Amino acid sequence: MNLSSKLSSLVSLAAVKFFGRRIPIAVRMEITNRCPNKCSYCNVWNTKAEDPSTERIFSVIEQLKALGTKKISFSGGEPLLREDIGEIIDHCASLGISPEMNSRGSLIEKRIAGLRKLDLLKVSVDGPEEIHDALSQRAGAYKDCIRAIEAAKAAGIRVSIATTITRHNVAHLGYILELARKYDIRAAFQPLKPLYRGVGGEEMKELYPPLDEYRRQIEKLIALKANGSAGYMRNSLIGLRHVAGWPAYPELECSAGKLFCIIDTDGTFYPCDRVSYDTELPNCFETGVEKALKAAPGVKCGGCGFCGSLELNFLYNFRLGTLKEVLWLLK
């Protein structure tokens, strides 16, 4: 994303904040539910839905361009399972939208040639190999992630690591930072929170880290960030201090449905997919993206620690301590 696009994003943010506009600067598009992993904290792999066609995805991207979108993260499921993933990324980039992708690395060698226009590959890593494979419920899942990091680096694609904190990896966050340092990439940490199609309540509770251990480990990250020795951490200092309060968070006005949104594989338009809704959500495949954006309900929740939206929300609230991290994401 060039300087002009970054400045345009900041202007859009001000228009949303002060004039009530809805400009989806950042969008996550779910383009498949298929996934070779069966991650303990995710149920997407068990949600049956047809993959949207290439043409339909192109149409949504073009509509988002007209609405002012600057960045689209293609997600799933595992986006690399789509044979047309390279075409999707190329089309996004050709419109001047920054393409990103969330992945756990399956099929990276087969798809890497089509990924060269990616601005950022976000690889989900849950800890050392034995922990990652156990949480993924698939042997070899960790090796897929490492191959994805190495292949992307070799192709000149920016890479970051995303780690969801559970009771199984809370004591291994230092390992993730060392992995980021080894590959000269950045790591983002975020607390566990159920997704709209997540694992059941009791099962999820079994994954939550012990509160005392969680806060002890977050305080370590805060200390590293504060003294400048955690350059490989994507989280901002104010972001880390915010998530230190998990499971309760300080009040923060959220820009979900205004500055960012999620589009599901079936076209359902979510302001955020970490809350439940008591009304039917609009479908952008049926109405078009602009009408879905206007019809989307407001979001009220107790807050979250999801790194991408959290850092954007700090900027939305003019807490500029996160500006450096947001601009890195908008690179």
C-alpha atoms as a PDB file:
ATOM      1  CA  MET A   1       0.000   0.000   0.000  1.00  0.00           C
ATOM      2  CA  ASN A   2       1.596   3.295  -1.104  1.00  0.00           C
ATOM      3  CA  LEU A   3       1.671   6.597   0.790  1.00  0.00           C
ATOM      4  CA  SER A   4      -1.334   7.953  -1.090  1.00  0.00           C
ATOM      5  CA  SER A   5      -3.389   4.906  -0.129  1.00  0.00           C
ATOM      6  CA  LYS A   6      -2.321   5.196   3.514  1.00  0.00           C
ATOM      7  CA  LEU A   7      -3.352   8.843   3.633  1.00  0.00           C
ATOM      8  CA  SER A   8      -6.646   7.949   1.951  1.00  0.00           C
ATOM      9  CA  SER A   9      -7.235   5.346   4.679  1.00  0.00           C
ATOM     10  CA  LEU A  10      -6.724   7.950   7.392  1.00  0.00           C
ATOM     11  CA  VAL A  11      -9.131  10.342   5.633  1.00  0.00           C
ATOM     12  CA  SER A  12     -11.696   7.529   5.438  1.00  0.00           C
ATOM     13  CA  LEU A  13     -11.241   6.828   9.132  1.00  0.00           C
ATOM     14  CA  ALA A  14     -12.001  10.480   9.943  1.00  0.00           C
ATOM     15  CA  ALA A  15     -15.087  10.396   7.692  1.00  0.00           C
ATOM     16  CA  VAL A  16     -16.382   7.340   9.545  1.00  0.00           C
ATOM     17  CA  LYS A  17     -15.622   8.781  12.970  1.00  0.00           C
ATOM     18  CA  PHE A  18     -16.985  12.299  12.498  1.00  0.00           C
ATOM     19  CA  PHE A  19     -19.606  12.000   9.755  1.00  0.00           C
ATOM     20  CA  GLY A  20     -21.102   8.556  10.391  1.00  0.00           C
ATOM     21  CA  ARG A  21     -19.955   7.126   7.051  1.00  0.00           C
ATOM     22  CA  ARG A  22     -19.416   3.407   6.587  1.00  0.00           C
ATOM     23  CA  ILE A  23     -16.224   2.759   4.638  1.00  0.00           C
ATOM     24  CA  PRO A  24     -14.928  -0.820   4.949  1.00  0.00           C
ATOM     25  CA  ILE A  25     -11.210  -0.073   4.769  1.00  0.00           C
ATOM     26  CA  ALA A  26     -10.329  -3.604   5.896  1.00  0.00           C
ATOM     27  CA  VAL A  27     -12.364  -6.680   4.951  1.00  0.00           C
ATOM     28  CA  ARG A  28     -11.913 -10.352   5.673  1.00  0.00           C
ATOM     29  CA  MET A  29     -13.377 -12.609   2.985  1.00  0.00           C
ATOM     30  CA  GLU A  30     -14.022 -16.251   3.800  1.00  0.00           C
ATOM     31  CA  ILE A  31     -13.543 -18.030   0.488  1.00  0.00           C
ATOM     32  CA  THR A  32     -13.769 -21.662   1.614  1.00  0.00           C
ATOM     33  CA  ASN A  33     -14.764 -23.661   4.681  1.00  0.00           C
ATOM     34  CA  ARG A  34     -12.602 -26.585   3.617  1.00  0.00           C
ATOM     35  CA  CYS A  35      -9.557 -27.235   5.773  1.00  0.00           C
ATOM     36  CA  PRO A  36      -7.244 -30.204   6.365  1.00  0.00           C
ATOM     37  CA  ASN A  37      -6.979 -29.251  10.052  1.00  0.00           C
ATOM     38  CA  LYS A  38      -9.574 -29.682  12.782  1.00  0.00           C
ATOM     39  CA  CYS A  39      -8.364 -27.023  15.181  1.00  0.00           C
ATOM     40  CA  SER A  40      -9.690 -27.410  18.709  1.00  0.00           C
ATOM     41  CA  TYR A  41     -10.867 -23.787  18.951  1.00  0.00           C
ATOM     42  CA  CYS A  42     -12.479 -23.639  15.480  1.00  0.00           C
ATOM     43  CA  ASN A  43     -15.486 -25.322  13.904  1.00  0.00           C
ATOM     44  CA  VAL A  44     -15.225 -23.884  10.387  1.00  0.00           C
ATOM     45  CA  TRP A  45     -13.873 -27.173   9.030  1.00  0.00           C
ATOM     46  CA  ASN A  46     -17.131 -28.822  10.187  1.00  0.00           C
ATOM     47  CA  THR A  47     -19.397 -26.193   8.580  1.00  0.00           C
ATOM     48  CA  LYS A  48     -20.702 -27.323   5.219  1.00  0.00           C
ATOM     49  CA  ALA A  49     -20.962 -24.651   2.560  1.00  0.00           C
ATOM     50  CA  GLU A  50     -20.218 -24.373  -1.140  1.00  0.00           C
ATOM     51  CA  ASP A  51     -17.156 -22.369  -2.083  1.00  0.00           C
ATOM     52  CA  PRO A  52     -18.200 -19.101  -3.762  1.00  0.00           C
ATOM     53  CA  SER A  53     -17.312 -19.060  -7.454  1.00  0.00           C
ATOM     54  CA  THR A  54     -14.330 -17.141  -8.802  1.00  0.00           C
ATOM     55  CA  GLU A  55     -16.705 -14.789 -10.632  1.00  0.00           C
ATOM     56  CA  ARG A  56     -18.694 -14.066  -7.483  1.00  0.00           C
ATOM     57  CA  ILE A  57     -15.530 -13.310  -5.515  1.00  0.00           C
ATOM     58  CA  PHE A  58     -14.328 -11.000  -8.298  1.00  0.00           C
ATOM     59  CA  SER A  59     -17.659  -9.167  -8.200  1.00  0.00           C
ATOM     60  CA  VAL A  60     -17.476  -8.642  -4.434  1.00  0.00           C
ATOM     61  CA  ILE A  61     -13.888  -7.380  -4.687  1.00  0.00           C
ATOM     62  CA  GLU A  62     -14.924  -4.888  -7.374  1.00  0.00           C
ATOM     63  CA  GLN A  63     -17.845  -3.672  -5.248  1.00  0.00           C
ATOM     64  CA  LEU A  64     -15.552  -3.261  -2.248  1.00  0.00           C
ATOM     65  CA  LYS A  65     -13.145  -1.230  -4.370  1.00  0.00           C
ATOM     66  CA  ALA A  66     -15.977   1.178  -5.195  1.00  0.00           C
ATOM     67  CA  LEU A  67     -16.771   1.505  -1.478  1.00  0.00           C
ATOM     68  CA  GLY A  68     -13.197   2.466  -0.528  1.00  0.00           C
ATOM     69  CA  THR A  69     -11.724  -0.829   0.667  1.00  0.00           C
ATOM     70  CA  LYS A  70      -7.924  -0.734   0.968  1.00  0.00           C
ATOM     71  CA  LYS A  71      -7.159  -4.239   2.241  1.00  0.00           C
ATOM     72  CA  ILE A  72      -8.777  -7.669   1.889  1.00  0.00           C
ATOM     73  CA  SER A  73      -7.653 -10.678   3.929  1.00  0.00           C
ATOM     74  CA  PHE A  74      -8.637 -13.921   2.214  1.00  0.00           C
ATOM     75  CA  SER A  75      -9.406 -16.572   4.773  1.00  0.00           C
ATOM     76  CA  GLY A  76     -11.324 -19.767   5.442  1.00  0.00           C
ATOM     77  CA  GLY A  77     -10.913 -22.683   6.069  1.00  0.00           C
ATOM     78  CA  GLU A  78      -7.671 -22.940   4.193  1.00  0.00           C
ATOM     79  CA  PRO A  79      -7.565 -20.581   1.159  1.00  0.00           C
ATOM     80  CA  LEU A  80      -4.684 -22.517  -0.376  1.00  0.00           C
ATOM     81  CA  LEU A  81      -7.095 -25.364  -1.106  1.00  0.00           C
ATOM     82  CA  ARG A  82      -8.620 -23.186  -3.835  1.00  0.00           C
ATOM     83  CA  GLU A  83      -6.980 -23.752  -7.206  1.00  0.00           C
ATOM     84  CA  ASP A  84      -7.924 -20.193  -8.217  1.00  0.00           C
ATOM     85  CA  ILE A  85      -6.322 -18.493  -5.208  1.00  0.00           C
ATOM     86  CA  GLY A  86      -3.635 -16.944  -7.426  1.00  0.00           C
ATOM     87  CA  GLU A  87      -6.273 -15.468  -9.762  1.00  0.00           C
ATOM     88  CA  ILE A  88      -8.158 -14.025  -6.788  1.00  0.00           C
ATOM     89  CA  ILE A  89      -5.028 -12.393  -5.378  1.00  0.00           C
ATOM     90  CA  ASP A  90      -4.012 -11.031  -8.783  1.00  0.00           C
ATOM     91  CA  HIS A  91      -7.475  -9.549  -9.382  1.00  0.00           C
ATOM     92  CA  CYS A  92      -7.470  -7.895  -5.968  1.00  0.00           C
ATOM     93  CA  ALA A  93      -4.012  -6.397  -6.528  1.00  0.00           C
ATOM     94  CA  SER A  94      -4.938  -5.229 -10.043  1.00  0.00           C
ATOM     95  CA  LEU A  95      -7.669  -3.038  -8.513  1.00  0.00           C
ATOM     96  CA  GLY A  96      -5.228  -1.391  -6.126  1.00  0.00           C
ATOM     97  CA  ILE A  97      -6.508  -3.270  -3.047  1.00  0.00           C
ATOM     98  CA  SER A  98      -3.852  -4.783  -0.806  1.00  0.00           C
ATOM     99  CA  PRO A  99      -4.329  -8.595  -0.769  1.00  0.00           C
ATOM    100  CA  GLU A 100      -3.509 -10.581   2.368  1.00  0.00           C
ATOM    101  CA  MET A 101      -4.153 -14.186   3.311  1.00  0.00           C
ATOM    102  CA  ASN A 102      -4.679 -16.161   6.516  1.00  0.00           C
ATOM    103  CA  SER A 103      -3.298 -19.680   6.260  1.00  0.00           C
ATOM    104  CA  ARG A 104      -1.831 -22.677   8.033  1.00  0.00           C
ATOM    105  CA  GLY A 105       0.321 -23.476   5.030  1.00  0.00           C
ATOM    106  CA  SER A 106      -1.154 -26.563   3.375  1.00  0.00           C
ATOM    107  CA  LEU A 107      -0.239 -26.868  -0.337  1.00  0.00           C
ATOM    108  CA  ILE A 108       2.140 -23.902  -0.150  1.00  0.00           C
ATOM    109  CA  GLU A 109       4.657 -25.407  -2.579  1.00  0.00           C
ATOM    110  CA  LYS A 110       1.929 -26.036  -5.156  1.00  0.00           C
ATOM    111  CA  ARG A 111       0.452 -22.542  -4.879  1.00  0.00           C
ATOM    112  CA  ILE A 112       3.428 -20.271  -4.197  1.00  0.00           C
ATOM    113  CA  ALA A 113       3.826 -19.113  -7.814  1.00  0.00           C
ATOM    114  CA  GLY A 114       0.348 -17.592  -7.665  1.00  0.00           C
ATOM    115  CA  LEU A 115       0.937 -15.791  -4.380  1.00  0.00           C
ATOM    116  CA  ARG A 116       3.647 -13.359  -5.444  1.00  0.00           C
ATOM    117  CA  LYS A 117       1.336 -10.338  -5.382  1.00  0.00           C
ATOM    118  CA  LEU A 118       0.334 -11.002  -1.780  1.00  0.00           C
ATOM    119  CA  ASP A 119       1.211  -8.090   0.479  1.00  0.00           C
ATOM    120  CA  LEU A 120       1.096 -10.223   3.630  1.00  0.00           C
ATOM    121  CA  LEU A 121       0.798 -13.924   4.437  1.00  0.00           C
ATOM    122  CA  LYS A 122      -0.458 -14.436   7.995  1.00  0.00           C
ATOM    123  CA  VAL A 123       0.454 -17.922   9.178  1.00  0.00           C
ATOM    124  CA  SER A 124      -1.352 -19.284  12.223  1.00  0.00           C
ATOM    125  CA  VAL A 125       1.119 -20.990  14.572  1.00  0.00           C
ATOM    126  CA  ASP A 126      -0.006 -22.297  17.954  1.00  0.00           C
ATOM    127  CA  GLY A 127       3.347 -23.128  19.527  1.00  0.00           C
ATOM    128  CA  PRO A 128       6.065 -25.773  19.297  1.00  0.00           C
ATOM    129  CA  GLU A 129       5.447 -28.676  16.923  1.00  0.00           C
ATOM    130  CA  GLU A 130       3.833 -31.072  19.373  1.00  0.00           C
ATOM    131  CA  ILE A 131       1.445 -28.411  20.703  1.00  0.00           C
ATOM    132  CA  HIS A 132       0.580 -27.029  17.270  1.00  0.00           C
ATOM    133  CA  ASP A 133      -0.119 -30.487  15.840  1.00  0.00           C
ATOM    134  CA  ALA A 134      -2.238 -31.436  18.853  1.00  0.00           C
ATOM    135  CA  LEU A 135      -4.357 -28.272  18.585  1.00  0.00           C
ATOM    136  CA  SER A 136      -4.636 -28.752  14.803  1.00  0.00           C
ATOM    137  CA  GLN A 137      -5.528 -32.410  15.353  1.00  0.00           C
ATOM    138  CA  ARG A 138      -3.279 -33.335  12.449  1.00  0.00           C
ATOM    139  CA  ALA A 139       0.277 -34.621  12.357  1.00  0.00           C
ATOM    140  CA  GLY A 140       2.461 -32.513  10.078  1.00  0.00           C
ATOM    141  CA  ALA A 141       0.448 -29.318  10.534  1.00  0.00           C
ATOM    142  CA  TYR A 142       3.401 -27.497  12.137  1.00  0.00           C
ATOM    143  CA  LYS A 143       5.740 -28.488   9.312  1.00  0.00           C
ATOM    144  CA  ASP A 144       3.203 -27.038   6.849  1.00  0.00           C
ATOM    145  CA  CYS A 145       3.431 -23.693   8.667  1.00  0.00           C
ATOM    146  CA  ILE A 146       7.222 -23.660   8.588  1.00  0.00           C
ATOM    147  CA  ARG A 147       7.253 -24.538   4.888  1.00  0.00           C
ATOM    148  CA  ALA A 148       4.789 -21.720   4.245  1.00  0.00           C
ATOM    149  CA  ILE A 149       6.953 -19.194   6.098  1.00  0.00           C
ATOM    150  CA  GLU A 150      10.102 -20.289   4.281  1.00  0.00           C
ATOM    151  CA  ALA A 151       8.459 -20.431   0.848  1.00  0.00           C
ATOM    152  CA  ALA A 152       6.903 -16.990   1.255  1.00  0.00           C
ATOM    153  CA  LYS A 153      10.158 -15.471   2.474  1.00  0.00           C
ATOM    154  CA  ALA A 154      12.000 -16.973  -0.489  1.00  0.00           C
ATOM    155  CA  ALA A 155       9.379 -15.481  -2.841  1.00  0.00           C
ATOM    156  CA  GLY A 156       9.755 -12.016  -1.286  1.00  0.00           C
ATOM    157  CA  ILE A 157       6.322 -12.063   0.393  1.00  0.00           C
ATOM    158  CA  ARG A 158       5.932 -10.407   3.800  1.00  0.00           C
ATOM    159  CA  VAL A 159       4.966 -12.871   6.517  1.00  0.00           C
ATOM    160  CA  SER A 160       3.591 -12.603  10.033  1.00  0.00           C
ATOM    161  CA  ILE A 161       2.620 -15.192  12.638  1.00  0.00           C
ATOM    162  CA  ALA A 162      -0.739 -15.171  14.434  1.00  0.00           C
ATOM    163  CA  THR A 163      -1.028 -17.040  17.724  1.00  0.00           C
ATOM    164  CA  THR A 164      -4.260 -17.647  19.624  1.00  0.00           C
ATOM    165  CA  ILE A 165      -3.507 -18.032  23.329  1.00  0.00           C
ATOM    166  CA  THR A 166      -4.885 -21.183  24.950  1.00  0.00           C
ATOM    167  CA  ARG A 167      -4.050 -23.176  28.065  1.00  0.00           C
ATOM    168  CA  HIS A 168      -1.852 -25.410  25.891  1.00  0.00           C
ATOM    169  CA  ASN A 169       0.478 -22.695  24.579  1.00  0.00           C
ATOM    170  CA  VAL A 170       0.277 -19.861  27.139  1.00  0.00           C
ATOM    171  CA  ALA A 171       3.652 -20.860  28.582  1.00  0.00           C
ATOM    172  CA  HIS A 172       5.243 -20.968  25.103  1.00  0.00           C
ATOM    173  CA  LEU A 173       4.735 -17.429  23.819  1.00  0.00           C
ATOM    174  CA  GLY A 174       8.486 -16.899  24.016  1.00  0.00           C
ATOM    175  CA  TYR A 175       8.889 -19.745  21.547  1.00  0.00           C
ATOM    176  CA  ILE A 176       6.698 -17.881  19.057  1.00  0.00           C
ATOM    177  CA  LEU A 177       8.803 -14.732  19.458  1.00  0.00           C
ATOM    178  CA  GLU A 178      11.975 -16.741  18.858  1.00  0.00           C
ATOM    179  CA  LEU A 179      10.408 -18.210  15.726  1.00  0.00           C
ATOM    180  CA  ALA A 180       9.590 -14.690  14.525  1.00  0.00           C
ATOM    181  CA  ARG A 181      13.139 -13.572  15.271  1.00  0.00           C
ATOM    182  CA  LYS A 182      14.608 -16.568  13.437  1.00  0.00           C
ATOM    183  CA  TYR A 183      12.686 -15.740  10.252  1.00  0.00           C
ATOM    184  CA  ASP A 184      12.797 -11.933  10.662  1.00  0.00           C
ATOM    185  CA  ILE A 185       9.001 -11.635  10.680  1.00  0.00           C
ATOM    186  CA  ARG A 186       6.416 -10.384  13.199  1.00  0.00           C
ATOM    187  CA  ALA A 187       4.177 -12.272  15.614  1.00  0.00           C
ATOM    188  CA  ALA A 188       0.737 -11.241  16.879  1.00  0.00           C
ATOM    189  CA  PHE A 189      -0.787 -12.649  20.058  1.00  0.00           C
ATOM    190  CA  GLN A 190      -4.492 -12.631  20.822  1.00  0.00           C
ATOM    191  CA  PRO A 191      -6.680 -14.159  23.542  1.00  0.00           C
ATOM    192  CA  LEU A 192      -9.095 -16.939  22.718  1.00  0.00           C
ATOM    193  CA  LYS A 193     -12.651 -15.820  21.959  1.00  0.00           C
ATOM    194  CA  PRO A 194     -15.424 -17.933  20.403  1.00  0.00           C
ATOM    195  CA  LEU A 195     -16.257 -17.283  16.752  1.00  0.00           C
ATOM    196  CA  TYR A 196     -19.839 -17.151  15.523  1.00  0.00           C
ATOM    197  CA  ARG A 197     -19.447 -20.753  14.366  1.00  0.00           C
ATOM    198  CA  GLY A 198     -16.994 -21.783  17.031  1.00  0.00           C
ATOM    199  CA  VAL A 199     -16.588 -24.702  19.376  1.00  0.00           C
ATOM    200  CA  GLY A 200     -19.301 -25.269  21.992  1.00  0.00           C
ATOM    201  CA  GLY A 201     -19.266 -23.402  25.299  1.00  0.00           C
ATOM    202  CA  GLU A 202     -18.049 -26.171  27.593  1.00  0.00           C
ATOM    203  CA  GLU A 203     -15.433 -27.351  25.107  1.00  0.00           C
ATOM    204  CA  MET A 204     -14.203 -23.781  24.713  1.00  0.00           C
ATOM    205  CA  LYS A 205     -13.902 -23.350  28.476  1.00  0.00           C
ATOM    206  CA  GLU A 206     -11.479 -26.266  28.515  1.00  0.00           C
ATOM    207  CA  LEU A 207      -9.220 -24.310  26.160  1.00  0.00           C
ATOM    208  CA  TYR A 208      -9.073 -21.078  28.183  1.00  0.00           C
ATOM    209  CA  PRO A 209      -5.698 -20.535  29.882  1.00  0.00           C
ATOM    210  CA  PRO A 210      -5.530 -20.234  33.694  1.00  0.00           C
ATOM    211  CA  LEU A 211      -6.029 -16.543  34.441  1.00  0.00           C
ATOM    212  CA  ASP A 212      -2.942 -16.114  36.647  1.00  0.00           C
ATOM    213  CA  GLU A 213      -0.662 -17.782  34.103  1.00  0.00           C
ATOM    214  CA  TYR A 214      -2.181 -15.816  31.234  1.00  0.00           C
ATOM    215  CA  ARG A 215      -1.611 -12.482  32.953  1.00  0.00           C
ATOM    216  CA  ARG A 216       1.908 -13.444  33.983  1.00  0.00           C
ATOM    217  CA  GLN A 217       2.816 -14.212  30.376  1.00  0.00           C
ATOM    218  CA  ILE A 218       1.179 -11.045  29.014  1.00  0.00           C
ATOM    219  CA  GLU A 219       3.112  -8.979  31.560  1.00  0.00           C
ATOM    220  CA  LYS A 220       6.299 -10.537  30.156  1.00  0.00           C
ATOM    221  CA  LEU A 221       5.295  -9.433  26.658  1.00  0.00           C
ATOM    222  CA  ILE A 222       4.482  -5.945  27.950  1.00  0.00           C
ATOM    223  CA  ALA A 223       7.908  -5.687  29.594  1.00  0.00           C
ATOM    224  CA  LEU A 224       9.637  -6.764  26.369  1.00  0.00           C
ATOM    225  CA  LYS A 225       7.638  -4.293  24.299  1.00  0.00           C
ATOM    226  CA  ALA A 226       8.183  -1.448  26.782  1.00  0.00           C
ATOM    227  CA  ASN A 227      11.979  -1.812  26.833  1.00  0.00           C
ATOM    228  CA  GLY A 228      12.209  -2.038  23.053  1.00  0.00           C
ATOM    229  CA  SER A 229      13.483  -5.615  22.911  1.00  0.00           C
ATOM    230  CA  ALA A 230      10.427  -7.086  21.157  1.00  0.00           C
ATOM    231  CA  GLY A 231      10.746  -5.691  17.656  1.00  0.00           C
ATOM    232  CA  TYR A 232       9.350  -8.935  16.305  1.00  0.00           C
ATOM    233  CA  MET A 233       6.019  -8.451  18.100  1.00  0.00           C
ATOM    234  CA  ARG A 234       3.148  -7.042  16.029  1.00  0.00           C
ATOM    235  CA  ASN A 235       1.030  -6.050  19.031  1.00  0.00           C
ATOM    236  CA  SER A 236       1.293  -2.442  20.165  1.00  0.00           C
ATOM    237  CA  LEU A 237       2.100  -1.628  23.795  1.00  0.00           C
ATOM    238  CA  ILE A 238      -1.372  -0.201  24.416  1.00  0.00           C
ATOM    239  CA  GLY A 239      -2.836  -3.275  22.724  1.00  0.00           C
ATOM    240  CA  LEU A 240      -0.971  -5.589  25.086  1.00  0.00           C
ATOM    241  CA  ARG A 241      -2.060  -3.571  28.095  1.00  0.00           C
ATOM    242  CA  HIS A 242      -5.630  -3.796  26.835  1.00  0.00           C
ATOM    243  CA  VAL A 243      -5.628  -7.599  26.489  1.00  0.00           C
ATOM    244  CA  ALA A 244      -3.914  -8.014  29.870  1.00  0.00           C
ATOM    245  CA  GLY A 245      -7.377  -7.533  31.380  1.00  0.00           C
ATOM    246  CA  TRP A 246      -8.836 -10.619  29.657  1.00  0.00           C
ATOM    247  CA  PRO A 247     -11.522 -11.897  30.001  1.00  0.00           C
ATOM    248  CA  ALA A 248     -12.799  -8.376  30.791  1.00  0.00           C
ATOM    249  CA  TYR A 249     -11.605  -5.416  28.729  1.00  0.00           C
ATOM    250  CA  PRO A 250     -11.536  -1.640  29.199  1.00  0.00           C
ATOM    251  CA  GLU A 251     -14.278   0.117  27.251  1.00  0.00           C
ATOM    252  CA  LEU A 252     -13.318   0.935  23.667  1.00  0.00           C
ATOM    253  CA  GLU A 253     -15.611   2.164  20.907  1.00  0.00           C
ATOM    254  CA  CYS A 254     -15.604  -0.438  18.150  1.00  0.00           C
ATOM    255  CA  SER A 255     -15.570   0.284  14.419  1.00  0.00           C
ATOM    256  CA  ALA A 256     -16.992  -3.111  13.389  1.00  0.00           C
ATOM    257  CA  GLY A 257     -19.355  -2.681  10.452  1.00  0.00           C
ATOM    258  CA  LYS A 258     -18.007   0.806   9.884  1.00  0.00           C
ATOM    259  CA  LEU A 259     -14.291   0.437   9.120  1.00  0.00           C
ATOM    260  CA  PHE A 260     -14.029  -3.345   8.908  1.00  0.00           C
ATOM    261  CA  CYS A 261     -16.307  -6.309   8.261  1.00  0.00           C
ATOM    262  CA  ILE A 262     -16.381 -10.003   7.390  1.00  0.00           C
ATOM    263  CA  ILE A 263     -18.018 -11.611   4.356  1.00  0.00           C
ATOM    264  CA  ASP A 264     -18.788 -15.306   4.775  1.00  0.00           C
ATOM    265  CA  THR A 265     -18.589 -18.034   2.135  1.00  0.00           C
ATOM    266  CA  ASP A 266     -22.365 -17.848   1.618  1.00  0.00           C
ATOM    267  CA  GLY A 267     -22.356 -14.044   1.305  1.00  0.00           C
ATOM    268  CA  THR A 268     -23.511 -13.290   4.855  1.00  0.00           C
ATOM    269  CA  PHE A 269     -22.239  -9.861   5.873  1.00  0.00           C
ATOM    270  CA  TYR A 270     -20.901  -9.741   9.436  1.00  0.00           C
ATOM    271  CA  PRO A 271     -19.856  -6.481  11.089  1.00  0.00           C
ATOM    272  CA  CYS A 272     -17.886  -8.840  13.369  1.00  0.00           C
ATOM    273  CA  ASP A 273     -17.883 -12.629  13.652  1.00  0.00           C
ATOM    274  CA  ARG A 274     -17.078 -12.718  17.360  1.00  0.00           C
ATOM    275  CA  VAL A 275     -20.532 -11.695  18.557  1.00  0.00           C
ATOM    276  CA  SER A 276     -24.033 -13.136  18.146  1.00  0.00           C
ATOM    277  CA  TYR A 277     -26.912 -11.204  16.571  1.00  0.00           C
ATOM    278  CA  ASP A 278     -30.630 -11.191  17.381  1.00  0.00           C
ATOM    279  CA  THR A 279     -31.552 -10.130  13.867  1.00  0.00           C
ATOM    280  CA  GLU A 280     -31.047 -11.657  10.434  1.00  0.00           C
ATOM    281  CA  LEU A 281     -27.843 -10.446   8.839  1.00  0.00           C
ATOM    282  CA  PRO A 282     -27.801  -9.082   5.281  1.00  0.00           C
ATOM    283  CA  ASN A 283     -26.365 -11.133   2.432  1.00  0.00           C
ATOM    284  CA  CYS A 284     -24.177  -9.276  -0.032  1.00  0.00           C
ATOM    285  CA  PHE A 285     -24.544 -11.975  -2.701  1.00  0.00           C
ATOM    286  CA  GLU A 286     -28.279 -11.237  -2.716  1.00  0.00           C
ATOM    287  CA  THR A 287     -28.367  -7.468  -2.196  1.00  0.00           C
ATOM    288  CA  GLY A 288     -24.921  -6.284  -3.249  1.00  0.00           C
ATOM    289  CA  VAL A 289     -22.210  -5.175  -0.845  1.00  0.00           C
ATOM    290  CA  GLU A 290     -23.290  -1.536  -0.524  1.00  0.00           C
ATOM    291  CA  LYS A 291     -26.832  -2.405   0.598  1.00  0.00           C
ATOM    292  CA  ALA A 292     -25.514  -5.089   2.951  1.00  0.00           C
ATOM    293  CA  LEU A 293     -23.118  -2.570   4.494  1.00  0.00           C
ATOM    294  CA  LYS A 294     -25.932  -0.087   5.078  1.00  0.00           C
ATOM    295  CA  ALA A 295     -28.251  -2.761   6.505  1.00  0.00           C
ATOM    296  CA  ALA A 296     -25.715  -4.315   8.876  1.00  0.00           C
ATOM    297  CA  PRO A 297     -26.676  -4.013  12.560  1.00  0.00           C
ATOM    298  CA  GLY A 298     -24.564  -2.262  15.151  1.00  0.00           C
ATOM    299  CA  VAL A 299     -22.242  -4.259  17.375  1.00  0.00           C
ATOM    300  CA  LYS A 300     -22.351  -4.339  21.156  1.00  0.00           C
ATOM    301  CA  CYS A 301     -20.097  -6.621  23.136  1.00  0.00           C
ATOM    302  CA  GLY A 302     -17.730  -6.700  26.062  1.00  0.00           C
ATOM    303  CA  GLY A 303     -14.695  -6.214  23.837  1.00  0.00           C
ATOM    304  CA  CYS A 304     -12.102  -8.519  22.342  1.00  0.00           C
ATOM    305  CA  GLY A 305      -8.375  -8.847  21.925  1.00  0.00           C
ATOM    306  CA  PHE A 306      -8.273  -9.693  18.223  1.00  0.00           C
ATOM    307  CA  CYS A 307      -5.081  -7.944  17.163  1.00  0.00           C
ATOM    308  CA  GLY A 308      -6.059  -6.561  13.749  1.00  0.00           C
ATOM    309  CA  SER A 309      -9.391  -5.019  14.724  1.00  0.00           C
ATOM    310  CA  LEU A 310      -8.117  -3.933  18.139  1.00  0.00           C
ATOM    311  CA  GLU A 311      -5.251  -1.895  16.718  1.00  0.00           C
ATOM    312  CA  LEU A 312      -7.587  -0.304  14.161  1.00  0.00           C
ATOM    313  CA  ASN A 313     -10.075   0.520  16.930  1.00  0.00           C
ATOM    314  CA  PHE A 314      -7.386   2.297  18.929  1.00  0.00           C
ATOM    315  CA  LEU A 315      -6.629   4.455  15.911  1.00  0.00           C
ATOM    316  CA  TYR A 316     -10.375   5.006  15.402  1.00  0.00           C
ATOM    317  CA  ASN A 317     -10.454   6.332  18.983  1.00  0.00           C
ATOM    318  CA  PHE A 318      -7.396   8.531  18.267  1.00  0.00           C
ATOM    319  CA  ARG A 319      -5.140   6.651  20.642  1.00  0.00           C
ATOM    320  CA  LEU A 320      -2.070   7.090  18.487  1.00  0.00           C
ATOM    321  CA  GLY A 321       0.115   4.648  20.407  1.00  0.00           C
ATOM    322  CA  THR A 322      -0.906   2.052  17.856  1.00  0.00           C
ATOM    323  CA  LEU A 323      -0.195   4.142  14.740  1.00  0.00           C
ATOM    324  CA  LYS A 324       3.150   2.445  14.042  1.00  0.00           C
ATOM    325  CA  GLU A 325       1.578  -1.032  14.057  1.00  0.00           C
ATOM    326  CA  VAL A 326      -1.387   0.006  11.907  1.00  0.00           C
ATOM    327  CA  LEU A 327       0.876   1.657   9.334  1.00  0.00           C
ATOM    328  CA  TRP A 328       2.955  -1.540   9.231  1.00  0.00           C
ATOM    329  CA  LEU A 329      -0.208  -3.456   8.415  1.00  0.00           C
ATOM    330  CA  LEU A 330      -1.082  -0.924   5.726  1.00  0.00           C
ATOM    331  CA  LYS A 331       2.349  -1.199   4.122  1.00  0.00           C
END
